[in-house]
Amino acid sequence: MPSQPSKTLETFPNPCPHRDYEISFECPEFTCVCPRTGQPDFGSIRIQYIPDSLCVELKSLKLYLWSYRQEGAFHEAVTNQILDDLVAAVRPRRMKVVGDFNVRGGIHTVVIAEHQSKT
């Protein structure tokens, strides 16, 4: 059975919780829908984080990002929502999500949202 988009982010235990190390992902084929025009918006989503006790599982991340293909969202909103959802799932020490969107209307948009753990 083929995979379906999902908002569920699965996790697994960090194999080296005693050490700070960075995990980076890039989704160069991210798609959402412009809430004003209904036209697709294309871009790259880059995620960098330092895990604490949990890491995000890659297939669930792929299906999560895929779930935005039919959703209307401004670039600023979708980038911040991705950060909020990932922070809620893995509670990282530090995380940055960059939404680097293709030119639309002659304007190239890059949105950077960051989280820093308070502990």
PDB file of N, CA and C in Angstrom:
ATOM      1  N   MET A   1       0.839  -1.175   0.000  1.00  0.00           N
ATOM      2  CA  MET A   1       0.000   0.000   0.000  1.00  0.00           C
ATOM      3  C   MET A   1       0.888   1.244   0.000  1.00  0.00           C
ATOM      4  N   PRO A   2       0.600   2.220  -0.875  1.00  0.00           N
ATOM      5  CA  PRO A   2       1.437   3.419  -0.938  1.00  0.00           C
ATOM      6  C   PRO A   2       1.312   4.273   0.326  1.00  0.00           C
ATOM      7  N   SER A   3       2.362   5.025   0.603  1.00  0.00           N
ATOM      8  CA  SER A   3       2.358   5.925   1.750  1.00  0.00           C
ATOM      9  C   SER A   3       1.410   7.087   1.503  1.00  0.00           C
ATOM     10  N   GLN A   4       0.874   7.621   2.581  1.00  0.00           N
ATOM     11  CA  GLN A   4      -0.031   8.766   2.523  1.00  0.00           C
ATOM     12  C   GLN A   4       0.556   9.897   3.368  1.00  0.00           C
ATOM     13  N   PRO A   5       0.256  11.144   3.010  1.00  0.00           N
ATOM     14  CA  PRO A   5       0.702  12.259   3.854  1.00  0.00           C
ATOM     15  C   PRO A   5       0.185  12.093   5.276  1.00  0.00           C
ATOM     16  N   SER A   6       0.937  12.607   6.235  1.00  0.00           N
ATOM     17  CA  SER A   6       0.552  12.453   7.638  1.00  0.00           C
ATOM     18  C   SER A   6       1.121  13.602   8.460  1.00  0.00           C
ATOM     19  N   LYS A   7       0.400  14.026   9.461  1.00  0.00           N
ATOM     20  CA  LYS A   7       0.895  15.056  10.387  1.00  0.00           C
ATOM     21  C   LYS A   7       1.604  14.436  11.593  1.00  0.00           C
ATOM     22  N   THR A   8       1.724  13.111  11.636  1.00  0.00           N
ATOM     23  CA  THR A   8       2.365  12.424  12.749  1.00  0.00           C
ATOM     24  C   THR A   8       3.879  12.407  12.569  1.00  0.00           C
ATOM     25  N   LEU A   9       4.584  12.939  13.548  1.00  0.00           N
ATOM     26  CA  LEU A   9       6.046  12.898  13.549  1.00  0.00           C
ATOM     27  C   LEU A   9       6.490  11.841  14.556  1.00  0.00           C
ATOM     28  N   GLU A  10       7.081  10.774  14.049  1.00  0.00           N
ATOM     29  CA  GLU A  10       7.567   9.707  14.922  1.00  0.00           C
ATOM     30  C   GLU A  10       8.983  10.029  15.378  1.00  0.00           C
ATOM     31  N   THR A  11       9.351   9.486  16.533  1.00  0.00           N
ATOM     32  CA  THR A  11      10.670   9.742  17.109  1.00  0.00           C
ATOM     33  C   THR A  11      11.321   8.428  17.525  1.00  0.00           C
ATOM     34  N   PHE A  12      12.607   8.517  17.840  1.00  0.00           N
ATOM     35  CA  PHE A  12      13.338   7.390  18.421  1.00  0.00           C
ATOM     36  C   PHE A  12      14.354   7.975  19.405  1.00  0.00           C
ATOM     37  N   PRO A  13      14.817   7.160  20.352  1.00  0.00           N
ATOM     38  CA  PRO A  13      15.768   7.664  21.349  1.00  0.00           C
ATOM     39  C   PRO A  13      17.092   8.099  20.712  1.00  0.00           C
ATOM     40  N   ASN A  14      17.599   9.228  21.172  1.00  0.00           N
ATOM     41  CA  ASN A  14      18.900   9.732  20.729  1.00  0.00           C
ATOM     42  C   ASN A  14      19.977   8.721  21.164  1.00  0.00           C
ATOM     43  N   PRO A  15      20.760   8.201  20.213  1.00  0.00           N
ATOM     44  CA  PRO A  15      21.780   7.220  20.589  1.00  0.00           C
ATOM     45  C   PRO A  15      22.969   7.819  21.350  1.00  0.00           C
ATOM     46  N   CYS A  16      23.125   9.157  21.323  1.00  0.00           N
ATOM     47  CA  CYS A  16      24.245   9.810  22.023  1.00  0.00           C
ATOM     48  C   CYS A  16      23.763  11.059  22.756  1.00  0.00           C
ATOM     49  N   PRO A  17      22.859  10.907  23.725  1.00  0.00           N
ATOM     50  CA  PRO A  17      22.299  12.087  24.394  1.00  0.00           C
ATOM     51  C   PRO A  17      23.305  12.866  25.249  1.00  0.00           C
ATOM     52  N   HIS A  18      24.438  12.267  25.536  1.00  0.00           N
ATOM     53  CA  HIS A  18      25.463  12.920  26.346  1.00  0.00           C
ATOM     54  C   HIS A  18      26.272  13.937  25.551  1.00  0.00           C
ATOM     55  N   ARG A  19      26.112  13.977  24.215  1.00  0.00           N
ATOM     56  CA  ARG A  19      26.937  14.806  23.343  1.00  0.00           C
ATOM     57  C   ARG A  19      26.067  15.733  22.508  1.00  0.00           C
ATOM     58  N   ASP A  20      26.510  16.966  22.301  1.00  0.00           N
ATOM     59  CA  ASP A  20      25.879  17.843  21.320  1.00  0.00           C
ATOM     60  C   ASP A  20      26.395  17.478  19.934  1.00  0.00           C
ATOM     61  N   TYR A  21      25.503  17.200  19.028  1.00  0.00           N
ATOM     62  CA  TYR A  21      25.847  16.987  17.624  1.00  0.00           C
ATOM     63  C   TYR A  21      24.678  17.460  16.787  1.00  0.00           C
ATOM     64  N   GLU A  22      24.960  17.861  15.560  1.00  0.00           N
ATOM     65  CA  GLU A  22      23.926  18.441  14.713  1.00  0.00           C
ATOM     66  C   GLU A  22      23.418  17.440  13.687  1.00  0.00           C
ATOM     67  N   ILE A  23      22.103  17.447  13.505  1.00  0.00           N
ATOM     68  CA  ILE A  23      21.449  16.654  12.472  1.00  0.00           C
ATOM     69  C   ILE A  23      20.854  17.653  11.480  1.00  0.00           C
ATOM     70  N   SER A  24      21.092  17.431  10.199  1.00  0.00           N
ATOM     71  CA  SER A  24      20.581  18.331   9.159  1.00  0.00           C
ATOM     72  C   SER A  24      19.801  17.550   8.121  1.00  0.00           C
ATOM     73  N   PHE A  25      18.685  18.137   7.691  1.00  0.00           N
ATOM     74  CA  PHE A  25      17.858  17.563   6.630  1.00  0.00           C
ATOM     75  C   PHE A  25      17.575  18.652   5.609  1.00  0.00           C
ATOM     76  N   GLU A  26      17.386  18.245   4.374  1.00  0.00           N
ATOM     77  CA  GLU A  26      16.922  19.175   3.348  1.00  0.00           C
ATOM     78  C   GLU A  26      15.853  18.501   2.512  1.00  0.00           C
ATOM     79  N   CYS A  27      14.761  19.201   2.323  1.00  0.00           N
ATOM     80  CA  CYS A  27      13.690  18.750   1.442  1.00  0.00           C
ATOM     81  C   CYS A  27      13.633  19.753   0.284  1.00  0.00           C
ATOM     82  N   PRO A  28      14.338  19.458  -0.825  1.00  0.00           N
ATOM     83  CA  PRO A  28      14.420  20.429  -1.926  1.00  0.00           C
ATOM     84  C   PRO A  28      13.175  20.477  -2.803  1.00  0.00           C
ATOM     85  N   GLU A  29      12.194  19.632  -2.537  1.00  0.00           N
ATOM     86  CA  GLU A  29      10.980  19.592  -3.356  1.00  0.00           C
ATOM     87  C   GLU A  29       9.734  19.883  -2.516  1.00  0.00           C
ATOM     88  N   PHE A  30       9.866  20.779  -1.535  1.00  0.00           N
ATOM     89  CA  PHE A  30       8.730  21.124  -0.688  1.00  0.00           C
ATOM     90  C   PHE A  30       7.678  21.896  -1.493  1.00  0.00           C
ATOM     91  N   THR A  31       6.422  21.573  -1.247  1.00  0.00           N
ATOM     92  CA  THR A  31       5.314  22.246  -1.927  1.00  0.00           C
ATOM     93  C   THR A  31       4.199  22.535  -0.935  1.00  0.00           C
ATOM     94  N   CYS A  32       3.663  23.745  -1.015  1.00  0.00           N
ATOM     95  CA  CYS A  32       2.431  24.104  -0.326  1.00  0.00           C
ATOM     96  C   CYS A  32       1.606  24.926  -1.317  1.00  0.00           C
ATOM     97  N   VAL A  33       0.495  25.461  -0.873  1.00  0.00           N
ATOM     98  CA  VAL A  33      -0.395  26.196  -1.759  1.00  0.00           C
ATOM     99  C   VAL A  33      -0.529  27.629  -1.260  1.00  0.00           C
ATOM    100  N   CYS A  34      -0.438  28.590  -2.169  1.00  0.00           N
ATOM    101  CA  CYS A  34      -0.639  29.990  -1.803  1.00  0.00           C
ATOM    102  C   CYS A  34      -2.093  30.173  -1.371  1.00  0.00           C
ATOM    103  N   PRO A  35      -2.328  30.694  -0.156  1.00  0.00           N
ATOM    104  CA  PRO A  35      -3.703  30.843   0.312  1.00  0.00           C
ATOM    105  C   PRO A  35      -4.484  31.937  -0.423  1.00  0.00           C
ATOM    106  N   ARG A  36      -3.801  32.810  -1.124  1.00  0.00           N
ATOM    107  CA  ARG A  36      -4.475  33.878  -1.885  1.00  0.00           C
ATOM    108  C   ARG A  36      -4.864  33.426  -3.283  1.00  0.00           C
ATOM    109  N   THR A  37      -3.936  32.737  -3.972  1.00  0.00           N
ATOM    110  CA  THR A  37      -4.171  32.400  -5.382  1.00  0.00           C
ATOM    111  C   THR A  37      -4.576  30.948  -5.601  1.00  0.00           C
ATOM    112  N   GLY A  38      -4.275  30.081  -4.627  1.00  0.00           N
ATOM    113  CA  GLY A  38      -4.527  28.657  -4.803  1.00  0.00           C
ATOM    114  C   GLY A  38      -3.483  27.974  -5.665  1.00  0.00           C
ATOM    115  N   GLN A  39      -2.468  28.716  -6.084  1.00  0.00           N
ATOM    116  CA  GLN A  39      -1.398  28.162  -6.907  1.00  0.00           C
ATOM    117  C   GLN A  39      -0.336  27.507  -6.024  1.00  0.00           C
ATOM    118  N   PRO A  40       0.356  26.499  -6.552  1.00  0.00           N
ATOM    119  CA  PRO A  40       1.398  25.851  -5.739  1.00  0.00           C
ATOM    120  C   PRO A  40       2.603  26.760  -5.531  1.00  0.00           C
ATOM    121  N   ASP A  41       3.181  26.664  -4.351  1.00  0.00           N
ATOM    122  CA  ASP A  41       4.441  27.325  -4.016  1.00  0.00           C
ATOM    123  C   ASP A  41       5.481  26.231  -3.836  1.00  0.00           C
ATOM    124  N   PHE A  42       6.640  26.426  -4.429  1.00  0.00           N
ATOM    125  CA  PHE A  42       7.720  25.444  -4.366  1.00  0.00           C
ATOM    126  C   PHE A  42       8.907  26.050  -3.627  1.00  0.00           C
ATOM    127  N   GLY A  43       9.644  25.201  -2.949  1.00  0.00           N
ATOM    128  CA  GLY A  43      10.829  25.668  -2.259  1.00  0.00           C
ATOM    129  C   GLY A  43      11.566  24.532  -1.597  1.00  0.00           C
ATOM    130  N   SER A  44      12.565  24.914  -0.827  1.00  0.00           N
ATOM    131  CA  SER A  44      13.345  23.959  -0.044  1.00  0.00           C
ATOM    132  C   SER A  44      13.107  24.240   1.432  1.00  0.00           C
ATOM    133  N   ILE A  45      12.979  23.177   2.196  1.00  0.00           N
ATOM    134  CA  ILE A  45      12.924  23.292   3.652  1.00  0.00           C
ATOM    135  C   ILE A  45      14.207  22.660   4.184  1.00  0.00           C
ATOM    136  N   ARG A  46      14.964  23.442   4.953  1.00  0.00           N
ATOM    137  CA  ARG A  46      16.180  22.931   5.577  1.00  0.00           C
ATOM    138  C   ARG A  46      15.974  22.940   7.092  1.00  0.00           C
ATOM    139  N   ILE A  47      16.316  21.839   7.700  1.00  0.00           N
ATOM    140  CA  ILE A  47      16.140  21.669   9.151  1.00  0.00           C
ATOM    141  C   ILE A  47      17.492  21.297   9.743  1.00  0.00           C
ATOM    142  N   GLN A  48      17.883  22.002  10.788  1.00  0.00           N
ATOM    143  CA  GLN A  48      19.104  21.682  11.530  1.00  0.00           C
ATOM    144  C   GLN A  48      18.725  21.649  13.005  1.00  0.00           C
ATOM    145  N   TYR A  49      19.176  20.611  13.701  1.00  0.00           N
ATOM    146  CA  TYR A  49      18.889  20.582  15.136  1.00  0.00           C
ATOM    147  C   TYR A  49      19.933  19.806  15.906  1.00  0.00           C
ATOM    148  N   ILE A  50      20.015  20.157  17.178  1.00  0.00           N
ATOM    149  CA  ILE A  50      20.813  19.418  18.147  1.00  0.00           C
ATOM    150  C   ILE A  50      19.813  18.698  19.033  1.00  0.00           C
ATOM    151  N   PRO A  51      19.775  17.362  18.941  1.00  0.00           N
ATOM    152  CA  PRO A  51      18.766  16.625  19.709  1.00  0.00           C
ATOM    153  C   PRO A  51      19.094  16.599  21.196  1.00  0.00           C
ATOM    154  N   ASP A  52      18.050  16.370  21.978  1.00  0.00           N
ATOM    155  CA  ASP A  52      18.228  16.116  23.401  1.00  0.00           C
ATOM    156  C   ASP A  52      18.034  14.617  23.606  1.00  0.00           C
ATOM    157  N   SER A  53      16.861  14.186  24.016  1.00  0.00           N
ATOM    158  CA  SER A  53      16.661  12.753  24.244  1.00  0.00           C
ATOM    159  C   SER A  53      16.010  12.041  23.063  1.00  0.00           C
ATOM    160  N   LEU A  54      15.453  12.793  22.106  1.00  0.00           N
ATOM    161  CA  LEU A  54      14.753  12.179  20.975  1.00  0.00           C
ATOM    162  C   LEU A  54      15.253  12.715  19.637  1.00  0.00           C
ATOM    163  N   CYS A  55      15.122  11.879  18.609  1.00  0.00           N
ATOM    164  CA  CYS A  55      15.410  12.259  17.221  1.00  0.00           C
ATOM    165  C   CYS A  55      14.156  11.995  16.396  1.00  0.00           C
ATOM    166  N   VAL A  56      13.998  12.744  15.305  1.00  0.00           N
ATOM    167  CA  VAL A  56      12.842  12.532  14.435  1.00  0.00           C
ATOM    168  C   VAL A  56      13.169  11.430  13.424  1.00  0.00           C
ATOM    169  N   GLU A  57      12.192  10.569  13.177  1.00  0.00           N
ATOM    170  CA  GLU A  57      12.339   9.462  12.224  1.00  0.00           C
ATOM    171  C   GLU A  57      12.101  10.004  10.814  1.00  0.00           C
ATOM    172  N   LEU A  58      12.964   9.643   9.866  1.00  0.00           N
ATOM    173  CA  LEU A  58      12.969  10.267   8.539  1.00  0.00           C
ATOM    174  C   LEU A  58      11.725  10.011   7.695  1.00  0.00           C
ATOM    175  N   LYS A  59      11.204   8.799   7.689  1.00  0.00           N
ATOM    176  CA  LYS A  59      10.026   8.546   6.860  1.00  0.00           C
ATOM    177  C   LYS A  59       8.839   9.367   7.366  1.00  0.00           C
ATOM    178  N   SER A  60       8.672   9.461   8.673  1.00  0.00           N
ATOM    179  CA  SER A  60       7.569  10.264   9.206  1.00  0.00           C
ATOM    180  C   SER A  60       7.773  11.745   8.880  1.00  0.00           C
ATOM    181  N   LEU A  61       9.033  12.212   8.864  1.00  0.00           N
ATOM    182  CA  LEU A  61       9.311  13.599   8.474  1.00  0.00           C
ATOM    183  C   LEU A  61       8.939  13.826   7.018  1.00  0.00           C
ATOM    184  N   LYS A  62       9.281  12.878   6.163  1.00  0.00           N
ATOM    185  CA  LYS A  62       8.933  12.988   4.742  1.00  0.00           C
ATOM    186  C   LYS A  62       7.419  13.066   4.556  1.00  0.00           C
ATOM    187  N   LEU A  63       6.679  12.198   5.223  1.00  0.00           N
ATOM    188  CA  LEU A  63       5.219  12.191   5.089  1.00  0.00           C
ATOM    189  C   LEU A  63       4.603  13.448   5.707  1.00  0.00           C
ATOM    190  N   TYR A  64       5.209  13.940   6.775  1.00  0.00           N
ATOM    191  CA  TYR A  64       4.760  15.187   7.392  1.00  0.00           C
ATOM    192  C   TYR A  64       4.924  16.353   6.412  1.00  0.00           C
ATOM    193  N   LEU A  65       6.110  16.495   5.826  1.00  0.00           N
ATOM    194  CA  LEU A  65       6.341  17.586   4.871  1.00  0.00           C
ATOM    195  C   LEU A  65       5.442  17.445   3.646  1.00  0.00           C
ATOM    196  N   TRP A  66       5.212  16.229   3.227  1.00  0.00           N
ATOM    197  CA  TRP A  66       4.335  15.942   2.094  1.00  0.00           C
ATOM    198  C   TRP A  66       2.905  16.413   2.387  1.00  0.00           C
ATOM    199  N   SER A  67       2.503  16.414   3.648  1.00  0.00           N
ATOM    200  CA  SER A  67       1.126  16.776   4.010  1.00  0.00           C
ATOM    201  C   SER A  67       0.801  18.234   3.674  1.00  0.00           C
ATOM    202  N   TYR A  68       1.805  19.070   3.456  1.00  0.00           N
ATOM    203  CA  TYR A  68       1.560  20.474   3.133  1.00  0.00           C
ATOM    204  C   TYR A  68       1.206  20.703   1.661  1.00  0.00           C
ATOM    205  N   ARG A  69       1.325  19.696   0.816  1.00  0.00           N
ATOM    206  CA  ARG A  69       1.085  19.873  -0.621  1.00  0.00           C
ATOM    207  C   ARG A  69      -0.312  20.372  -0.952  1.00  0.00           C
ATOM    208  N   GLN A  70      -1.282  20.065  -0.129  1.00  0.00           N
ATOM    209  CA  GLN A  70      -2.662  20.480  -0.394  1.00  0.00           C
ATOM    210  C   GLN A  70      -3.143  21.579   0.553  1.00  0.00           C
ATOM    211  N   GLU A  71      -2.241  22.118   1.370  1.00  0.00           N
ATOM    212  CA  GLU A  71      -2.635  23.118   2.359  1.00  0.00           C
ATOM    213  C   GLU A  71      -2.246  24.519   1.926  1.00  0.00           C
ATOM    214  N   GLY A  72      -3.143  25.452   2.154  1.00  0.00           N
ATOM    215  CA  GLY A  72      -2.837  26.850   1.910  1.00  0.00           C
ATOM    216  C   GLY A  72      -2.100  27.436   3.102  1.00  0.00           C
ATOM    217  N   ALA A  73      -0.947  28.043   2.842  1.00  0.00           N
ATOM    218  CA  ALA A  73      -0.167  28.622   3.935  1.00  0.00           C
ATOM    219  C   ALA A  73       0.805  29.654   3.385  1.00  0.00           C
ATOM    220  N   PHE A  74       0.885  30.785   4.066  1.00  0.00           N
ATOM    221  CA  PHE A  74       1.911  31.759   3.725  1.00  0.00           C
ATOM    222  C   PHE A  74       3.270  31.188   4.111  1.00  0.00           C
ATOM    223  N   HIS A  75       4.324  31.631   3.439  1.00  0.00           N
ATOM    224  CA  HIS A  75       5.676  31.120   3.693  1.00  0.00           C
ATOM    225  C   HIS A  75       6.058  31.262   5.163  1.00  0.00           C
ATOM    226  N   GLU A  76       5.741  32.400   5.742  1.00  0.00           N
ATOM    227  CA  GLU A  76       6.093  32.658   7.140  1.00  0.00           C
ATOM    228  C   GLU A  76       5.374  31.682   8.068  1.00  0.00           C
ATOM    229  N   ALA A  77       4.101  31.442   7.784  1.00  0.00           N
ATOM    230  CA  ALA A  77       3.303  30.554   8.635  1.00  0.00           C
ATOM    231  C   ALA A  77       3.769  29.113   8.540  1.00  0.00           C
ATOM    232  N   VAL A  78       4.005  28.624   7.332  1.00  0.00           N
ATOM    233  CA  VAL A  78       4.380  27.219   7.178  1.00  0.00           C
ATOM    234  C   VAL A  78       5.757  26.950   7.789  1.00  0.00           C
ATOM    235  N   THR A  79       6.699  27.856   7.632  1.00  0.00           N
ATOM    236  CA  THR A  79       8.034  27.660   8.212  1.00  0.00           C
ATOM    237  C   THR A  79       7.950  27.606   9.737  1.00  0.00           C
ATOM    238  N   ASN A  80       7.195  28.520  10.335  1.00  0.00           N
ATOM    239  CA  ASN A  80       7.048  28.531  11.787  1.00  0.00           C
ATOM    240  C   ASN A  80       6.246  27.343  12.298  1.00  0.00           C
ATOM    241  N   GLN A  81       5.254  26.878  11.538  1.00  0.00           N
ATOM    242  CA  GLN A  81       4.473  25.709  11.955  1.00  0.00           C
ATOM    243  C   GLN A  81       5.334  24.450  11.951  1.00  0.00           C
ATOM    244  N   ILE A  82       6.175  24.310  10.934  1.00  0.00           N
ATOM    245  CA  ILE A  82       7.090  23.160  10.880  1.00  0.00           C
ATOM    246  C   ILE A  82       7.997  23.175  12.108  1.00  0.00           C
ATOM    247  N   LEU A  83       8.562  24.342  12.432  1.00  0.00           N
ATOM    248  CA  LEU A  83       9.407  24.443  13.624  1.00  0.00           C
ATOM    249  C   LEU A  83       8.618  24.072  14.880  1.00  0.00           C
ATOM    250  N   ASP A  84       7.431  24.642  15.052  1.00  0.00           N
ATOM    251  CA  ASP A  84       6.625  24.350  16.245  1.00  0.00           C
ATOM    252  C   ASP A  84       6.316  22.862  16.385  1.00  0.00           C
ATOM    253  N   ASP A  85       5.938  22.223  15.274  1.00  0.00           N
ATOM    254  CA  ASP A  85       5.594  20.804  15.324  1.00  0.00           C
ATOM    255  C   ASP A  85       6.809  19.935  15.636  1.00  0.00           C
ATOM    256  N   LEU A  86       7.952  20.259  15.039  1.00  0.00           N
ATOM    257  CA  LEU A  86       9.165  19.486  15.313  1.00  0.00           C
ATOM    258  C   LEU A  86       9.642  19.687  16.754  1.00  0.00           C
ATOM    259  N   VAL A  87       9.579  20.912  17.249  1.00  0.00           N
ATOM    260  CA  VAL A  87       9.979  21.174  18.640  1.00  0.00           C
ATOM    261  C   VAL A  87       9.075  20.404  19.599  1.00  0.00           C
ATOM    262  N   ALA A  88       7.778  20.391  19.323  1.00  0.00           N
ATOM    263  CA  ALA A  88       6.844  19.645  20.177  1.00  0.00           C
ATOM    264  C   ALA A  88       7.138  18.151  20.154  1.00  0.00           C
ATOM    265  N   ALA A  89       7.555  17.629  19.010  1.00  0.00           N
ATOM    266  CA  ALA A  89       7.801  16.189  18.874  1.00  0.00           C
ATOM    267  C   ALA A  89       9.111  15.741  19.514  1.00  0.00           C
ATOM    268  N   VAL A  90      10.202  16.480  19.284  1.00  0.00           N
ATOM    269  CA  VAL A  90      11.513  15.997  19.731  1.00  0.00           C
ATOM    270  C   VAL A  90      12.145  16.806  20.865  1.00  0.00           C
ATOM    271  N   ARG A  91      11.585  17.956  21.205  1.00  0.00           N
ATOM    272  CA  ARG A  91      12.116  18.796  22.276  1.00  0.00           C
ATOM    273  C   ARG A  91      13.646  18.931  22.183  1.00  0.00           C
ATOM    274  N   PRO A  92      14.141  19.525  21.086  1.00  0.00           N
ATOM    275  CA  PRO A  92      15.584  19.604  20.869  1.00  0.00           C
ATOM    276  C   PRO A  92      16.268  20.642  21.753  1.00  0.00           C
ATOM    277  N   ARG A  93      17.562  20.541  21.833  1.00  0.00           N
ATOM    278  CA  ARG A  93      18.340  21.575  22.530  1.00  0.00           C
ATOM    279  C   ARG A  93      18.344  22.864  21.713  1.00  0.00           C
ATOM    280  N   ARG A  94      18.423  22.685  20.391  1.00  0.00           N
ATOM    281  CA  ARG A  94      18.401  23.838  19.484  1.00  0.00           C
ATOM    282  C   ARG A  94      17.873  23.350  18.143  1.00  0.00           C
ATOM    283  N   MET A  95      17.130  24.226  17.437  1.00  0.00           N
ATOM    284  CA  MET A  95      16.617  23.857  16.125  1.00  0.00           C
ATOM    285  C   MET A  95      16.444  25.106  15.271  1.00  0.00           C
ATOM    286  N   LYS A  96      16.707  24.939  13.981  1.00  0.00           N
ATOM    287  CA  LYS A  96      16.480  26.005  13.009  1.00  0.00           C
ATOM    288  C   LYS A  96      15.795  25.401  11.796  1.00  0.00           C
ATOM    289  N   VAL A  97      14.742  26.066  11.310  1.00  0.00           N
ATOM    290  CA  VAL A  97      14.058  25.668  10.087  1.00  0.00           C
ATOM    291  C   VAL A  97      14.156  26.845   9.125  1.00  0.00           C
ATOM    292  N   VAL A  98      14.635  26.558   7.920  1.00  0.00           N
ATOM    293  CA  VAL A  98      14.753  27.575   6.871  1.00  0.00           C
ATOM    294  C   VAL A  98      13.818  27.187   5.740  1.00  0.00           C
ATOM    295  N   GLY A  99      12.898  28.080   5.417  1.00  0.00           N
ATOM    296  CA  GLY A  99      12.047  27.921   4.243  1.00  0.00           C
ATOM    297  C   GLY A  99      12.596  28.814   3.153  1.00  0.00           C
ATOM    298  N   ASP A 100      13.148  28.210   2.117  1.00  0.00           N
ATOM    299  CA  ASP A 100      13.764  28.942   0.999  1.00  0.00           C
ATOM    300  C   ASP A 100      12.873  28.714  -0.218  1.00  0.00           C
ATOM    301  N   PHE A 101      12.008  29.675  -0.491  1.00  0.00           N
ATOM    302  CA  PHE A 101      10.965  29.498  -1.495  1.00  0.00           C
ATOM    303  C   PHE A 101      11.378  30.056  -2.843  1.00  0.00           C
ATOM    304  N   ASN A 102      10.936  29.384  -3.904  1.00  0.00           N
ATOM    305  CA  ASN A 102      11.229  29.818  -5.264  1.00  0.00           C
ATOM    306  C   ASN A 102      10.627  31.194  -5.522  1.00  0.00           C
ATOM    307  N   VAL A 103      11.189  31.881  -6.495  1.00  0.00           N
ATOM    308  CA  VAL A 103      10.721  33.212  -6.859  1.00  0.00           C
ATOM    309  C   VAL A 103       9.247  33.155  -7.250  1.00  0.00           C
ATOM    310  N   ARG A 104       8.484  34.095  -6.672  1.00  0.00           N
ATOM    311  CA  ARG A 104       7.074  34.248  -7.036  1.00  0.00           C
ATOM    312  C   ARG A 104       6.811  35.738  -7.132  1.00  0.00           C
ATOM    313  N   GLY A 105       6.270  36.170  -8.254  1.00  0.00           N
ATOM    314  CA  GLY A 105       6.007  37.592  -8.449  1.00  0.00           C
ATOM    315  C   GLY A 105       7.273  38.423  -8.435  1.00  0.00           C
ATOM    316  N   GLY A 106       8.387  37.806  -8.825  1.00  0.00           N
ATOM    317  CA  GLY A 106       9.660  38.520  -8.869  1.00  0.00           C
ATOM    318  C   GLY A 106      10.353  38.646  -7.521  1.00  0.00           C
ATOM    319  N   ILE A 107       9.831  37.968  -6.492  1.00  0.00           N
ATOM    320  CA  ILE A 107      10.418  38.067  -5.156  1.00  0.00           C
ATOM    321  C   ILE A 107      10.810  36.680  -4.641  1.00  0.00           C
ATOM    322  N   HIS A 108      12.057  36.586  -4.202  1.00  0.00           N
ATOM    323  CA  HIS A 108      12.579  35.359  -3.593  1.00  0.00           C
ATOM    324  C   HIS A 108      12.435  35.507  -2.082  1.00  0.00           C
ATOM    325  N   THR A 109      11.794  34.551  -1.440  1.00  0.00           N
ATOM    326  CA  THR A 109      11.542  34.625  -0.002  1.00  0.00           C
ATOM    327  C   THR A 109      12.315  33.550   0.744  1.00  0.00           C
ATOM    328  N   VAL A 110      12.992  33.949   1.820  1.00  0.00           N
ATOM    329  CA  VAL A 110      13.649  33.019   2.737  1.00  0.00           C
ATOM    330  C   VAL A 110      13.157  33.360   4.141  1.00  0.00           C
ATOM    331  N   VAL A 111      12.596  32.361   4.825  1.00  0.00           N
ATOM    332  CA  VAL A 111      12.100  32.535   6.190  1.00  0.00           C
ATOM    333  C   VAL A 111      12.930  31.638   7.099  1.00  0.00           C
ATOM    334  N   ILE A 112      13.475  32.216   8.178  1.00  0.00           N
ATOM    335  CA  ILE A 112      14.289  31.468   9.134  1.00  0.00           C
ATOM    336  C   ILE A 112      13.611  31.549  10.497  1.00  0.00           C
ATOM    337  N   ALA A 113      13.289  30.383  11.065  1.00  0.00           N
ATOM    338  CA  ALA A 113      12.685  30.309  12.393  1.00  0.00           C
ATOM    339  C   ALA A 113      13.587  29.459  13.273  1.00  0.00           C
ATOM    340  N   GLU A 114      13.831  29.912  14.504  1.00  0.00           N
ATOM    341  CA  GLU A 114      14.747  29.219  15.396  1.00  0.00           C
ATOM    342  C   GLU A 114      14.150  28.976  16.769  1.00  0.00           C
ATOM    343  N   HIS A 115      14.645  27.919  17.397  1.00  0.00           N
ATOM    344  CA  HIS A 115      14.250  27.554  18.765  1.00  0.00           C
ATOM    345  C   HIS A 115      15.514  27.254  19.554  1.00  0.00           C
ATOM    346  N   GLN A 116      15.561  27.743  20.793  1.00  0.00           N
ATOM    347  CA  GLN A 116      16.652  27.440  21.722  1.00  0.00           C
ATOM    348  C   GLN A 116      16.040  26.940  23.008  1.00  0.00           C
ATOM    349  N   SER A 117      16.447  25.758  23.447  1.00  0.00           N
ATOM    350  CA  SER A 117      15.949  25.195  24.705  1.00  0.00           C
ATOM    351  C   SER A 117      16.324  26.104  25.871  1.00  0.00           C
ATOM    352  N   LYS A 118      15.455  26.177  26.850  1.00  0.00           N
ATOM    353  CA  LYS A 118      15.712  27.039  28.016  1.00  0.00           C
ATOM    354  C   LYS A 118      16.500  26.312  29.094  1.00  0.00           C
ATOM    355  N   THR A 119      16.745  25.008  28.911  1.00  0.00           N
ATOM    356  CA  THR A 119      17.478  24.266  29.952  1.00  0.00           C
ATOM    357  C   THR A 119      18.921  24.095  29.575  1.00  0.00           C
TER     358      THR A 119
END
